[in-house]
Amino acid sequence: MAEPLKNQFGADIPRKIAAMVFAVSPTFPAAAFIKDALNGYDELDLMARGWKIADALHCHLPSNYETAIAILINSLGPTLDQTQASGMAPFLYMPHGFFIAKYGIDHFEASMQAQYELTEILQHSQ
C-alpha cells in the first residue's frame, strides 16, 4: 500500500515555515508557533494540517491582518523556477493560502495582493 500523502507534509513543514517567517520578522515566536502547529498534527490529514498551520500563524503573527500578511508575503522567498518536477514543494505554501482565505475575508485589497504574490511564487517559468 502506498504511503499516505499527508506524510509528505510532515513536521518539517511547520518548522520550515517558522524559519521563513522568523528570517523576515525576528520577533516572530517560532518555538511557540511550532509547538502549536504540531499539537495533534500527526492525527490530521493533509488539508487539516494546512489549516492547523494557518491557525497557528494567525495566533503568532501580529493581530493586524495587513501587517501579518505582509510578513507572510515577505517570507515566501524566491519564485520557484519550475513546479513540474518539484513534487510536494508547492504544498509548502498551502497554509499561506488558507490563512488568506480564513482571515483575509474583510481585507479584500490586501488579500488579493497576497494571492497575486502567492501565485507568482508558484508560477511555472516560461
PDB file of N, CA and C in Angstrom:
ATOM      1  N   MET A   1       0.842  -1.182   0.000  1.00  0.00           N
ATOM      2  CA  MET A   1       0.000   0.000   0.000  1.00  0.00           C
ATOM      3  C   MET A   1       0.887   1.246   0.000  1.00  0.00           C
ATOM      4  N   ALA A   2       0.479   2.254  -0.742  1.00  0.00           N
ATOM      5  CA  ALA A   2       1.248   3.488  -0.847  1.00  0.00           C
ATOM      6  C   ALA A   2       1.212   4.269   0.457  1.00  0.00           C
ATOM      7  N   GLU A   3       2.266   5.017   0.676  1.00  0.00           N
ATOM      8  CA  GLU A   3       2.340   5.868   1.871  1.00  0.00           C
ATOM      9  C   GLU A   3       1.320   6.999   1.743  1.00  0.00           C
ATOM     10  N   PRO A   4       0.626   7.344   2.833  1.00  0.00           N
ATOM     11  CA  PRO A   4      -0.346   8.439   2.773  1.00  0.00           C
ATOM     12  C   PRO A   4       0.315   9.755   2.366  1.00  0.00           C
ATOM     13  N   LEU A   5      -0.368  10.522   1.538  1.00  0.00           N
ATOM     14  CA  LEU A   5       0.134  11.799   1.056  1.00  0.00           C
ATOM     15  C   LEU A   5       0.457  12.749   2.208  1.00  0.00           C
ATOM     16  N   LYS A   6      -0.308  12.666   3.281  1.00  0.00           N
ATOM     17  CA  LYS A   6      -0.078  13.562   4.421  1.00  0.00           C
ATOM     18  C   LYS A   6       1.324  13.406   4.989  1.00  0.00           C
ATOM     19  N   ASN A   7       1.929  12.238   4.822  1.00  0.00           N
ATOM     20  CA  ASN A   7       3.280  12.020   5.342  1.00  0.00           C
ATOM     21  C   ASN A   7       4.327  12.841   4.601  1.00  0.00           C
ATOM     22  N   GLN A   8       3.994  13.276   3.388  1.00  0.00           N
ATOM     23  CA  GLN A   8       4.884  14.157   2.642  1.00  0.00           C
ATOM     24  C   GLN A   8       4.811  15.593   3.162  1.00  0.00           C
ATOM     25  N   PHE A   9       3.838  15.858   4.005  1.00  0.00           N
ATOM     26  CA  PHE A   9       3.605  17.178   4.595  1.00  0.00           C
ATOM     27  C   PHE A   9       3.776  17.032   6.100  1.00  0.00           C
ATOM     28  N   GLY A  10       4.969  16.582   6.494  1.00  0.00           N
ATOM     29  CA  GLY A  10       5.234  16.225   7.875  1.00  0.00           C
ATOM     30  C   GLY A  10       5.608  17.389   8.769  1.00  0.00           C
ATOM     31  N   ALA A  11       6.159  17.052   9.913  1.00  0.00           N
ATOM     32  CA  ALA A  11       6.509  18.035  10.938  1.00  0.00           C
ATOM     33  C   ALA A  11       7.572  19.018  10.471  1.00  0.00           C
ATOM     34  N   ASP A  12       8.283  18.673   9.412  1.00  0.00           N
ATOM     35  CA  ASP A  12       9.282  19.596   8.882  1.00  0.00           C
ATOM     36  C   ASP A  12       8.640  20.834   8.253  1.00  0.00           C
ATOM     37  N   ILE A  13       7.396  20.741   7.819  1.00  0.00           N
ATOM     38  CA  ILE A  13       6.739  21.876   7.158  1.00  0.00           C
ATOM     39  C   ILE A  13       6.510  23.041   8.125  1.00  0.00           C
ATOM     40  N   PRO A  14       5.889  22.833   9.288  1.00  0.00           N
ATOM     41  CA  PRO A  14       5.760  23.971  10.212  1.00  0.00           C
ATOM     42  C   PRO A  14       7.122  24.540  10.631  1.00  0.00           C
ATOM     43  N   ARG A  15       8.098  23.675  10.772  1.00  0.00           N
ATOM     44  CA  ARG A  15       9.439  24.157  11.139  1.00  0.00           C
ATOM     45  C   ARG A  15      10.038  25.020  10.030  1.00  0.00           C
ATOM     46  N   LYS A  16       9.853  24.607   8.793  1.00  0.00           N
ATOM     47  CA  LYS A  16      10.371  25.390   7.672  1.00  0.00           C
ATOM     48  C   LYS A  16       9.650  26.735   7.567  1.00  0.00           C
ATOM     49  N   ILE A  17       8.334  26.724   7.717  1.00  0.00           N
ATOM     50  CA  ILE A  17       7.574  27.972   7.670  1.00  0.00           C
ATOM     51  C   ILE A  17       7.991  28.893   8.810  1.00  0.00           C
ATOM     52  N   ALA A  18       8.205  28.336   9.991  1.00  0.00           N
ATOM     53  CA  ALA A  18       8.665  29.141  11.127  1.00  0.00           C
ATOM     54  C   ALA A  18       9.995  29.811  10.810  1.00  0.00           C
ATOM     55  N   ALA A  19      10.910  29.077  10.219  1.00  0.00           N
ATOM     56  CA  ALA A  19      12.219  29.634   9.868  1.00  0.00           C
ATOM     57  C   ALA A  19      12.080  30.726   8.815  1.00  0.00           C
ATOM     58  N   MET A  20      11.205  30.514   7.849  1.00  0.00           N
ATOM     59  CA  MET A  20      10.981  31.514   6.798  1.00  0.00           C
ATOM     60  C   MET A  20      10.431  32.804   7.388  1.00  0.00           C
ATOM     61  N   VAL A  21       9.443  32.675   8.267  1.00  0.00           N
ATOM     62  CA  VAL A  21       8.821  33.852   8.877  1.00  0.00           C
ATOM     63  C   VAL A  21       9.813  34.550   9.813  1.00  0.00           C
ATOM     64  N   PHE A  22      10.517  33.775  10.616  1.00  0.00           N
ATOM     65  CA  PHE A  22      11.487  34.351  11.556  1.00  0.00           C
ATOM     66  C   PHE A  22      12.589  35.112  10.812  1.00  0.00           C
ATOM     67  N   ALA A  23      12.953  34.638   9.632  1.00  0.00           N
ATOM     68  CA  ALA A  23      14.008  35.298   8.847  1.00  0.00           C
ATOM     69  C   ALA A  23      13.635  36.725   8.462  1.00  0.00           C
ATOM     70  N   VAL A  24      12.342  36.995   8.296  1.00  0.00           N
ATOM     71  CA  VAL A  24      11.913  38.348   7.926  1.00  0.00           C
ATOM     72  C   VAL A  24      11.291  39.111   9.089  1.00  0.00           C
ATOM     73  N   SER A  25      10.998  38.394  10.174  1.00  0.00           N
ATOM     74  CA  SER A  25      10.389  39.022  11.354  1.00  0.00           C
ATOM     75  C   SER A  25      10.989  38.389  12.611  1.00  0.00           C
ATOM     76  N   PRO A  26      12.138  38.891  13.046  1.00  0.00           N
ATOM     77  CA  PRO A  26      12.848  38.280  14.173  1.00  0.00           C
ATOM     78  C   PRO A  26      12.094  38.263  15.499  1.00  0.00           C
ATOM     79  N   THR A  27      10.977  38.972  15.589  1.00  0.00           N
ATOM     80  CA  THR A  27      10.177  38.922  16.813  1.00  0.00           C
ATOM     81  C   THR A  27       9.136  37.797  16.761  1.00  0.00           C
ATOM     82  N   PHE A  28       9.037  37.116  15.630  1.00  0.00           N
ATOM     83  CA  PHE A  28       8.097  36.010  15.491  1.00  0.00           C
ATOM     84  C   PHE A  28       8.469  34.904  16.475  1.00  0.00           C
ATOM     85  N   PRO A  29       7.521  34.470  17.316  1.00  0.00           N
ATOM     86  CA  PRO A  29       7.810  33.433  18.315  1.00  0.00           C
ATOM     87  C   PRO A  29       7.806  32.036  17.677  1.00  0.00           C
ATOM     88  N   ALA A  30       8.878  31.723  16.979  1.00  0.00           N
ATOM     89  CA  ALA A  30       8.955  30.496  16.190  1.00  0.00           C
ATOM     90  C   ALA A  30       8.712  29.235  17.022  1.00  0.00           C
ATOM     91  N   ALA A  31       9.317  29.151  18.192  1.00  0.00           N
ATOM     92  CA  ALA A  31       9.171  27.943  19.023  1.00  0.00           C
ATOM     93  C   ALA A  31       7.715  27.743  19.447  1.00  0.00           C
ATOM     94  N   ALA A  32       7.037  28.815  19.842  1.00  0.00           N
ATOM     95  CA  ALA A  32       5.637  28.712  20.249  1.00  0.00           C
ATOM     96  C   ALA A  32       4.754  28.349  19.051  1.00  0.00           C
ATOM     97  N   PHE A  33       5.050  28.938  17.891  1.00  0.00           N
ATOM     98  CA  PHE A  33       4.312  28.604  16.678  1.00  0.00           C
ATOM     99  C   PHE A  33       4.458  27.118  16.350  1.00  0.00           C
ATOM    100  N   ILE A  34       5.685  26.622  16.371  1.00  0.00           N
ATOM    101  CA  ILE A  34       5.931  25.207  16.061  1.00  0.00           C
ATOM    102  C   ILE A  34       5.194  24.302  17.039  1.00  0.00           C
ATOM    103  N   LYS A  35       5.257  24.645  18.309  1.00  0.00           N
ATOM    104  CA  LYS A  35       4.578  23.845  19.328  1.00  0.00           C
ATOM    105  C   LYS A  35       3.081  23.796  19.056  1.00  0.00           C
ATOM    106  N   ASP A  36       2.466  24.940  18.771  1.00  0.00           N
ATOM    107  CA  ASP A  36       1.032  24.982  18.489  1.00  0.00           C
ATOM    108  C   ASP A  36       0.689  24.247  17.192  1.00  0.00           C
ATOM    109  N   ALA A  37       1.490  24.457  16.167  1.00  0.00           N
ATOM    110  CA  ALA A  37       1.226  23.816  14.878  1.00  0.00           C
ATOM    111  C   ALA A  37       1.323  22.297  14.966  1.00  0.00           C
ATOM    112  N   LEU A  38       2.239  21.796  15.774  1.00  0.00           N
ATOM    113  CA  LEU A  38       2.457  20.353  15.852  1.00  0.00           C
ATOM    114  C   LEU A  38       1.586  19.650  16.895  1.00  0.00           C
ATOM    115  N   ASN A  39       0.875  20.406  17.709  1.00  0.00           N
ATOM    116  CA  ASN A  39      -0.008  19.809  18.712  1.00  0.00           C
ATOM    117  C   ASN A  39      -1.165  19.089  18.002  1.00  0.00           C
ATOM    118  N   GLY A  40      -1.159  17.760  18.024  1.00  0.00           N
ATOM    119  CA  GLY A  40      -2.180  16.963  17.366  1.00  0.00           C
ATOM    120  C   GLY A  40      -1.988  16.796  15.872  1.00  0.00           C
ATOM    121  N   TYR A  41      -0.869  17.249  15.348  1.00  0.00           N
ATOM    122  CA  TYR A  41      -0.582  17.261  13.911  1.00  0.00           C
ATOM    123  C   TYR A  41      -0.578  15.864  13.294  1.00  0.00           C
ATOM    124  N   ASP A  42      -0.010  14.899  13.980  1.00  0.00           N
ATOM    125  CA  ASP A  42       0.135  13.550  13.419  1.00  0.00           C
ATOM    126  C   ASP A  42      -1.194  12.907  13.066  1.00  0.00           C
ATOM    127  N   GLU A  43      -2.241  13.232  13.793  1.00  0.00           N
ATOM    128  CA  GLU A  43      -3.544  12.611  13.572  1.00  0.00           C
ATOM    129  C   GLU A  43      -4.301  13.231  12.404  1.00  0.00           C
ATOM    130  N   LEU A  44      -3.851  14.376  11.916  1.00  0.00           N
ATOM    131  CA  LEU A  44      -4.593  15.117  10.895  1.00  0.00           C
ATOM    132  C   LEU A  44      -4.271  14.644   9.485  1.00  0.00           C
ATOM    133  N   ASP A  45      -5.248  14.813   8.578  1.00  0.00           N
ATOM    134  CA  ASP A  45      -4.990  14.530   7.171  1.00  0.00           C
ATOM    135  C   ASP A  45      -4.299  15.743   6.539  1.00  0.00           C
ATOM    136  N   LEU A  46      -4.004  15.654   5.266  1.00  0.00           N
ATOM    137  CA  LEU A  46      -3.228  16.686   4.582  1.00  0.00           C
ATOM    138  C   LEU A  46      -3.854  18.075   4.691  1.00  0.00           C
ATOM    139  N   MET A  47      -5.116  18.198   4.315  1.00  0.00           N
ATOM    140  CA  MET A  47      -5.755  19.513   4.332  1.00  0.00           C
ATOM    141  C   MET A  47      -5.881  20.062   5.746  1.00  0.00           C
ATOM    142  N   ALA A  48      -6.216  19.212   6.689  1.00  0.00           N
ATOM    143  CA  ALA A  48      -6.333  19.665   8.079  1.00  0.00           C
ATOM    144  C   ALA A  48      -4.991  20.156   8.609  1.00  0.00           C
ATOM    145  N   ARG A  49      -3.905  19.562   8.151  1.00  0.00           N
ATOM    146  CA  ARG A  49      -2.578  20.038   8.551  1.00  0.00           C
ATOM    147  C   ARG A  49      -2.342  21.452   8.041  1.00  0.00           C
ATOM    148  N   GLY A  50      -2.760  21.714   6.803  1.00  0.00           N
ATOM    149  CA  GLY A  50      -2.629  23.068   6.256  1.00  0.00           C
ATOM    150  C   GLY A  50      -3.422  24.083   7.051  1.00  0.00           C
ATOM    151  N   TRP A  51      -4.648  23.728   7.428  1.00  0.00           N
ATOM    152  CA  TRP A  51      -5.481  24.623   8.239  1.00  0.00           C
ATOM    153  C   TRP A  51      -4.892  24.811   9.630  1.00  0.00           C
ATOM    154  N   LYS A  52      -4.352  23.762  10.189  1.00  0.00           N
ATOM    155  CA  LYS A  52      -3.734  23.832  11.528  1.00  0.00           C
ATOM    156  C   LYS A  52      -2.579  24.835  11.519  1.00  0.00           C
ATOM    157  N   ILE A  53      -1.746  24.768  10.495  1.00  0.00           N
ATOM    158  CA  ILE A  53      -0.618  25.700  10.382  1.00  0.00           C
ATOM    159  C   ILE A  53      -1.125  27.122  10.180  1.00  0.00           C
ATOM    160  N   ALA A  54      -2.153  27.297   9.349  1.00  0.00           N
ATOM    161  CA  ALA A  54      -2.716  28.636   9.130  1.00  0.00           C
ATOM    162  C   ALA A  54      -3.235  29.223  10.435  1.00  0.00           C
ATOM    163  N   ASP A  55      -3.922  28.404  11.225  1.00  0.00           N
ATOM    164  CA  ASP A  55      -4.438  28.879  12.517  1.00  0.00           C
ATOM    165  C   ASP A  55      -3.304  29.224  13.480  1.00  0.00           C
ATOM    166  N   ALA A  56      -2.244  28.424  13.466  1.00  0.00           N
ATOM    167  CA  ALA A  56      -1.096  28.722  14.332  1.00  0.00           C
ATOM    168  C   ALA A  56      -0.423  30.018  13.889  1.00  0.00           C
ATOM    169  N   LEU A  57      -0.330  30.235  12.582  1.00  0.00           N
ATOM    170  CA  LEU A  57       0.217  31.506  12.086  1.00  0.00           C
ATOM    171  C   LEU A  57      -0.632  32.666  12.599  1.00  0.00           C
ATOM    172  N   HIS A  58      -1.936  32.518  12.525  1.00  0.00           N
ATOM    173  CA  HIS A  58      -2.834  33.576  12.988  1.00  0.00           C
ATOM    174  C   HIS A  58      -2.616  33.890  14.463  1.00  0.00           C
ATOM    175  N   CYS A  59      -2.362  32.864  15.250  1.00  0.00           N
ATOM    176  CA  CYS A  59      -2.130  33.061  16.689  1.00  0.00           C
ATOM    177  C   CYS A  59      -0.820  33.781  16.988  1.00  0.00           C
ATOM    178  N   HIS A  60       0.160  33.615  16.122  1.00  0.00           N
ATOM    179  CA  HIS A  60       1.501  34.101  16.449  1.00  0.00           C
ATOM    180  C   HIS A  60       2.004  35.260  15.586  1.00  0.00           C
ATOM    181  N   LEU A  61       1.298  35.571  14.527  1.00  0.00           N
ATOM    182  CA  LEU A  61       1.625  36.775  13.753  1.00  0.00           C
ATOM    183  C   LEU A  61       0.902  37.961  14.388  1.00  0.00           C
ATOM    184  N   PRO A  62       1.268  39.178  14.019  1.00  0.00           N
ATOM    185  CA  PRO A  62       0.551  40.342  14.557  1.00  0.00           C
ATOM    186  C   PRO A  62      -0.952  40.243  14.282  1.00  0.00           C
ATOM    187  N   SER A  63      -1.753  40.798  15.171  1.00  0.00           N
ATOM    188  CA  SER A  63      -3.201  40.714  15.029  1.00  0.00           C
ATOM    189  C   SER A  63      -3.726  41.570  13.882  1.00  0.00           C
ATOM    190  N   ASN A  64      -2.989  42.576  13.474  1.00  0.00           N
ATOM    191  CA  ASN A  64      -3.375  43.390  12.330  1.00  0.00           C
ATOM    192  C   ASN A  64      -3.139  42.573  11.056  1.00  0.00           C
ATOM    193  N   TYR A  65      -4.219  42.312  10.307  1.00  0.00           N
ATOM    194  CA  TYR A  65      -4.124  41.440   9.139  1.00  0.00           C
ATOM    195  C   TYR A  65      -3.124  41.951   8.108  1.00  0.00           C
ATOM    196  N   GLU A  66      -3.176  43.237   7.804  1.00  0.00           N
ATOM    197  CA  GLU A  66      -2.273  43.785   6.788  1.00  0.00           C
ATOM    198  C   GLU A  66      -0.810  43.605   7.186  1.00  0.00           C
ATOM    199  N   THR A  67      -0.513  43.782   8.460  1.00  0.00           N
ATOM    200  CA  THR A  67       0.852  43.572   8.947  1.00  0.00           C
ATOM    201  C   THR A  67       1.221  42.097   8.862  1.00  0.00           C
ATOM    202  N   ALA A  68       0.301  41.238   9.288  1.00  0.00           N
ATOM    203  CA  ALA A  68       0.555  39.796   9.272  1.00  0.00           C
ATOM    204  C   ALA A  68       0.766  39.283   7.857  1.00  0.00           C
ATOM    205  N   ILE A  69      -0.075  39.705   6.931  1.00  0.00           N
ATOM    206  CA  ILE A  69       0.043  39.199   5.562  1.00  0.00           C
ATOM    207  C   ILE A  69       1.295  39.735   4.894  1.00  0.00           C
ATOM    208  N   ALA A  70       1.698  40.953   5.244  1.00  0.00           N
ATOM    209  CA  ALA A  70       2.952  41.491   4.701  1.00  0.00           C
ATOM    210  C   ALA A  70       4.139  40.638   5.153  1.00  0.00           C
ATOM    211  N   ILE A  71       4.129  40.220   6.401  1.00  0.00           N
ATOM    212  CA  ILE A  71       5.201  39.353   6.908  1.00  0.00           C
ATOM    213  C   ILE A  71       5.184  38.023   6.160  1.00  0.00           C
ATOM    214  N   LEU A  72       4.009  37.434   6.003  1.00  0.00           N
ATOM    215  CA  LEU A  72       3.924  36.161   5.282  1.00  0.00           C
ATOM    216  C   LEU A  72       4.420  36.295   3.849  1.00  0.00           C
ATOM    217  N   ILE A  73       4.009  37.334   3.166  1.00  0.00           N
ATOM    218  CA  ILE A  73       4.441  37.540   1.780  1.00  0.00           C
ATOM    219  C   ILE A  73       5.947  37.749   1.710  1.00  0.00           C
ATOM    220  N   ASN A  74       6.479  38.534   2.623  1.00  0.00           N
ATOM    221  CA  ASN A  74       7.931  38.754   2.639  1.00  0.00           C
ATOM    222  C   ASN A  74       8.706  37.477   2.942  1.00  0.00           C
ATOM    223  N   SER A  75       8.054  36.519   3.582  1.00  0.00           N
ATOM    224  CA  SER A  75       8.728  35.275   3.941  1.00  0.00           C
ATOM    225  C   SER A  75       8.716  34.241   2.825  1.00  0.00           C
ATOM    226  N   LEU A  76       8.016  34.505   1.748  1.00  0.00           N
ATOM    227  CA  LEU A  76       7.852  33.497   0.697  1.00  0.00           C
ATOM    228  C   LEU A  76       9.141  33.044   0.042  1.00  0.00           C
ATOM    229  N   GLY A  77      10.086  33.924  -0.076  1.00  0.00           N
ATOM    230  CA  GLY A  77      11.332  33.536  -0.724  1.00  0.00           C
ATOM    231  C   GLY A  77      11.255  33.712  -2.221  1.00  0.00           C
ATOM    232  N   PRO A  78      12.242  33.173  -2.932  1.00  0.00           N
ATOM    233  CA  PRO A  78      12.305  33.365  -4.385  1.00  0.00           C
ATOM    234  C   PRO A  78      11.231  32.560  -5.116  1.00  0.00           C
ATOM    235  N   THR A  79      10.873  33.046  -6.286  1.00  0.00           N
ATOM    236  CA  THR A  79       9.923  32.349  -7.136  1.00  0.00           C
ATOM    237  C   THR A  79      10.493  30.995  -7.525  1.00  0.00           C
ATOM    238  N   LEU A  80       9.643  29.976  -7.486  1.00  0.00           N
ATOM    239  CA  LEU A  80      10.076  28.656  -7.942  1.00  0.00           C
ATOM    240  C   LEU A  80      10.303  28.724  -9.443  1.00  0.00           C
ATOM    241  N   ASP A  81      11.446  28.257  -9.902  1.00  0.00           N
ATOM    242  CA  ASP A  81      11.734  28.284 -11.330  1.00  0.00           C
ATOM    243  C   ASP A  81      10.808  27.352 -12.097  1.00  0.00           C
ATOM    244  N   GLN A  82      10.443  26.259 -11.467  1.00  0.00           N
ATOM    245  CA  GLN A  82       9.598  25.283 -12.134  1.00  0.00           C
ATOM    246  C   GLN A  82       8.877  24.482 -11.063  1.00  0.00           C
ATOM    247  N   THR A  83       7.598  24.220 -11.271  1.00  0.00           N
ATOM    248  CA  THR A  83       6.879  23.431 -10.282  1.00  0.00           C
ATOM    249  C   THR A  83       6.636  22.001 -10.749  1.00  0.00           C
ATOM    250  N   GLN A  84       6.814  21.724 -12.023  1.00  0.00           N
ATOM    251  CA  GLN A  84       6.515  20.388 -12.541  1.00  0.00           C
ATOM    252  C   GLN A  84       7.324  19.303 -11.855  1.00  0.00           C
ATOM    253  N   ALA A  85       8.592  19.522 -11.636  1.00  0.00           N
ATOM    254  CA  ALA A  85       9.452  18.483 -11.068  1.00  0.00           C
ATOM    255  C   ALA A  85       9.723  18.696  -9.589  1.00  0.00           C
ATOM    256  N   SER A  86       8.974  19.568  -8.952  1.00  0.00           N
ATOM    257  CA  SER A  86       9.272  19.880  -7.569  1.00  0.00           C
ATOM    258  C   SER A  86       8.441  19.079  -6.575  1.00  0.00           C
ATOM    259  N   GLY A  87       7.685  18.118  -7.027  1.00  0.00           N
ATOM    260  CA  GLY A  87       6.951  17.235  -6.133  1.00  0.00           C
ATOM    261  C   GLY A  87       6.018  17.990  -5.206  1.00  0.00           C
ATOM    262  N   MET A  88       6.234  17.801  -3.924  1.00  0.00           N
ATOM    263  CA  MET A  88       5.381  18.420  -2.908  1.00  0.00           C
ATOM    264  C   MET A  88       5.809  19.849  -2.560  1.00  0.00           C
ATOM    265  N   ALA A  89       6.861  20.350  -3.149  1.00  0.00           N
ATOM    266  CA  ALA A  89       7.384  21.671  -2.785  1.00  0.00           C
ATOM    267  C   ALA A  89       6.314  22.768  -2.795  1.00  0.00           C
ATOM    268  N   PRO A  90       5.468  22.851  -3.818  1.00  0.00           N
ATOM    269  CA  PRO A  90       4.450  23.911  -3.792  1.00  0.00           C
ATOM    270  C   PRO A  90       3.463  23.794  -2.634  1.00  0.00           C
ATOM    271  N   PHE A  91       3.299  22.601  -2.064  1.00  0.00           N
ATOM    272  CA  PHE A  91       2.398  22.422  -0.929  1.00  0.00           C
ATOM    273  C   PHE A  91       2.889  23.166   0.309  1.00  0.00           C
ATOM    274  N   LEU A  92       4.152  23.540   0.335  1.00  0.00           N
ATOM    275  CA  LEU A  92       4.681  24.324   1.449  1.00  0.00           C
ATOM    276  C   LEU A  92       3.840  25.579   1.660  1.00  0.00           C
ATOM    277  N   TYR A  93       3.294  26.125   0.583  1.00  0.00           N
ATOM    278  CA  TYR A  93       2.556  27.380   0.635  1.00  0.00           C
ATOM    279  C   TYR A  93       1.050  27.202   0.851  1.00  0.00           C
ATOM    280  N   MET A  94       0.579  25.976   0.997  1.00  0.00           N
ATOM    281  CA  MET A  94      -0.839  25.731   1.238  1.00  0.00           C
ATOM    282  C   MET A  94      -1.351  26.493   2.471  1.00  0.00           C
ATOM    283  N   PRO A  95      -0.635  26.471   3.608  1.00  0.00           N
ATOM    284  CA  PRO A  95      -1.132  27.223   4.772  1.00  0.00           C
ATOM    285  C   PRO A  95      -1.243  28.725   4.523  1.00  0.00           C
ATOM    286  N   HIS A  96      -0.404  29.253   3.656  1.00  0.00           N
ATOM    287  CA  HIS A  96      -0.476  30.680   3.337  1.00  0.00           C
ATOM    288  C   HIS A  96      -1.817  30.997   2.666  1.00  0.00           C
ATOM    289  N   GLY A  97      -2.188  30.173   1.701  1.00  0.00           N
ATOM    290  CA  GLY A  97      -3.473  30.360   1.031  1.00  0.00           C
ATOM    291  C   GLY A  97      -4.643  30.189   1.985  1.00  0.00           C
ATOM    292  N   PHE A  98      -4.535  29.211   2.876  1.00  0.00           N
ATOM    293  CA  PHE A  98      -5.589  29.002   3.871  1.00  0.00           C
ATOM    294  C   PHE A  98      -5.691  30.198   4.822  1.00  0.00           C
ATOM    295  N   PHE A  99      -4.551  30.767   5.199  1.00  0.00           N
ATOM    296  CA  PHE A  99      -4.530  31.948   6.069  1.00  0.00           C
ATOM    297  C   PHE A  99      -5.299  33.085   5.396  1.00  0.00           C
ATOM    298  N   ILE A 100      -5.001  33.317   4.120  1.00  0.00           N
ATOM    299  CA  ILE A 100      -5.671  34.379   3.371  1.00  0.00           C
ATOM    300  C   ILE A 100      -7.179  34.109   3.303  1.00  0.00           C
ATOM    301  N   ALA A 101      -7.541  32.867   2.988  1.00  0.00           N
ATOM    302  CA  ALA A 101      -8.957  32.509   2.849  1.00  0.00           C
ATOM    303  C   ALA A 101      -9.735  32.706   4.143  1.00  0.00           C
ATOM    304  N   LYS A 102      -9.136  32.326   5.253  1.00  0.00           N
ATOM    305  CA  LYS A 102      -9.857  32.377   6.526  1.00  0.00           C
ATOM    306  C   LYS A 102      -9.820  33.745   7.198  1.00  0.00           C
ATOM    307  N   TYR A 103      -8.686  34.398   7.152  1.00  0.00           N
ATOM    308  CA  TYR A 103      -8.527  35.631   7.933  1.00  0.00           C
ATOM    309  C   TYR A 103      -8.535  36.904   7.090  1.00  0.00           C
ATOM    310  N   GLY A 104      -8.514  36.777   5.775  1.00  0.00           N
ATOM    311  CA  GLY A 104      -8.448  37.952   4.922  1.00  0.00           C
ATOM    312  C   GLY A 104      -9.742  38.359   4.275  1.00  0.00           C
ATOM    313  N   ILE A 105     -10.823  37.721   4.641  1.00  0.00           N
ATOM    314  CA  ILE A 105     -12.113  37.966   4.001  1.00  0.00           C
ATOM    315  C   ILE A 105     -12.547  39.434   4.102  1.00  0.00           C
ATOM    316  N   ASP A 106     -12.209  40.106   5.178  1.00  0.00           N
ATOM    317  CA  ASP A 106     -12.589  41.515   5.347  1.00  0.00           C
ATOM    318  C   ASP A 106     -11.514  42.482   4.880  1.00  0.00           C
ATOM    319  N   HIS A 107     -10.525  41.966   4.183  1.00  0.00           N
ATOM    320  CA  HIS A 107      -9.385  42.782   3.737  1.00  0.00           C
ATOM    321  C   HIS A 107      -9.120  42.477   2.266  1.00  0.00           C
ATOM    322  N   PHE A 108     -10.073  42.867   1.431  1.00  0.00           N
ATOM    323  CA  PHE A 108     -10.055  42.477   0.024  1.00  0.00           C
ATOM    324  C   PHE A 108      -8.761  42.857  -0.687  1.00  0.00           C
ATOM    325  N   GLU A 109      -8.372  44.115  -0.653  1.00  0.00           N
ATOM    326  CA  GLU A 109      -7.196  44.564  -1.402  1.00  0.00           C
ATOM    327  C   GLU A 109      -5.923  43.843  -0.949  1.00  0.00           C
ATOM    328  N   ALA A 110      -5.707  43.797   0.346  1.00  0.00           N
ATOM    329  CA  ALA A 110      -4.512  43.131   0.877  1.00  0.00           C
ATOM    330  C   ALA A 110      -4.523  41.641   0.540  1.00  0.00           C
ATOM    331  N   SER A 111      -5.683  41.028   0.600  1.00  0.00           N
ATOM    332  CA  SER A 111      -5.791  39.600   0.311  1.00  0.00           C
ATOM    333  C   SER A 111      -5.566  39.308  -1.169  1.00  0.00           C
ATOM    334  N   MET A 112      -6.103  40.148  -2.034  1.00  0.00           N
ATOM    335  CA  MET A 112      -5.891  39.939  -3.471  1.00  0.00           C
ATOM    336  C   MET A 112      -4.419  40.139  -3.834  1.00  0.00           C
ATOM    337  N   GLN A 113      -3.782  41.111  -3.210  1.00  0.00           N
ATOM    338  CA  GLN A 113      -2.348  41.310  -3.457  1.00  0.00           C
ATOM    339  C   GLN A 113      -1.558  40.104  -2.951  1.00  0.00           C
ATOM    340  N   ALA A 114      -1.934  39.593  -1.802  1.00  0.00           N
ATOM    341  CA  ALA A 114      -1.263  38.422  -1.246  1.00  0.00           C
ATOM    342  C   ALA A 114      -1.470  37.203  -2.147  1.00  0.00           C
ATOM    343  N   GLN A 115      -2.688  37.013  -2.658  1.00  0.00           N
ATOM    344  CA  GLN A 115      -2.948  35.899  -3.569  1.00  0.00           C
ATOM    345  C   GLN A 115      -2.109  36.044  -4.840  1.00  0.00           C
ATOM    346  N   TYR A 116      -1.993  37.263  -5.326  1.00  0.00           N
ATOM    347  CA  TYR A 116      -1.158  37.512  -6.507  1.00  0.00           C
ATOM    348  C   TYR A 116       0.285  37.104  -6.226  1.00  0.00           C
ATOM    349  N   GLU A 117       0.826  37.553  -5.104  1.00  0.00           N
ATOM    350  CA  GLU A 117       2.212  37.232  -4.748  1.00  0.00           C
ATOM    351  C   GLU A 117       2.400  35.727  -4.574  1.00  0.00           C
ATOM    352  N   LEU A 118       1.445  35.091  -3.962  1.00  0.00           N
ATOM    353  CA  LEU A 118       1.499  33.646  -3.761  1.00  0.00           C
ATOM    354  C   LEU A 118       1.459  32.914  -5.099  1.00  0.00           C
ATOM    355  N   THR A 119       0.609  33.376  -5.995  1.00  0.00           N
ATOM    356  CA  THR A 119       0.531  32.774  -7.325  1.00  0.00           C
ATOM    357  C   THR A 119       1.839  32.966  -8.083  1.00  0.00           C
ATOM    358  N   GLU A 120       2.420  34.139  -7.973  1.00  0.00           N
ATOM    359  CA  GLU A 120       3.689  34.422  -8.646  1.00  0.00           C
ATOM    360  C   GLU A 120       4.791  33.466  -8.191  1.00  0.00           C
ATOM    361  N   ILE A 121       4.813  33.160  -6.906  1.00  0.00           N
ATOM    362  CA  ILE A 121       5.859  32.297  -6.367  1.00  0.00           C
ATOM    363  C   ILE A 121       5.743  30.880  -6.923  1.00  0.00           C
ATOM    364  N   LEU A 122       4.528  30.491  -7.289  1.00  0.00           N
ATOM    365  CA  LEU A 122       4.277  29.135  -7.766  1.00  0.00           C
ATOM    366  C   LEU A 122       4.206  28.994  -9.286  1.00  0.00           C
ATOM    367  N   GLN A 123       4.217  30.091  -9.968  1.00  0.00           N
ATOM    368  CA  GLN A 123       4.029  30.080 -11.415  1.00  0.00           C
ATOM    369  C   GLN A 123       5.171  29.360 -12.130  1.00  0.00           C
ATOM    370  N   HIS A 124       4.826  28.607 -13.147  1.00  0.00           N
ATOM    371  CA  HIS A 124       5.838  27.929 -13.974  1.00  0.00           C
ATOM    372  C   HIS A 124       6.634  28.971 -14.745  1.00  0.00           C
ATOM    373  N   SER A 125       7.920  28.745 -14.875  1.00  0.00           N
ATOM    374  CA  SER A 125       8.698  29.630 -15.736  1.00  0.00           C
ATOM    375  C   SER A 125       8.385  29.276 -17.182  1.00  0.00           C
ATOM    376  N   GLN A 126       8.363  30.242 -18.008  1.00  0.00           N
ATOM    377  CA  GLN A 126       8.046  30.017 -19.428  1.00  0.00           C
ATOM    378  C   GLN A 126       9.281  29.893 -20.267  1.00  0.00           C
TER     379      GLN A 126
END
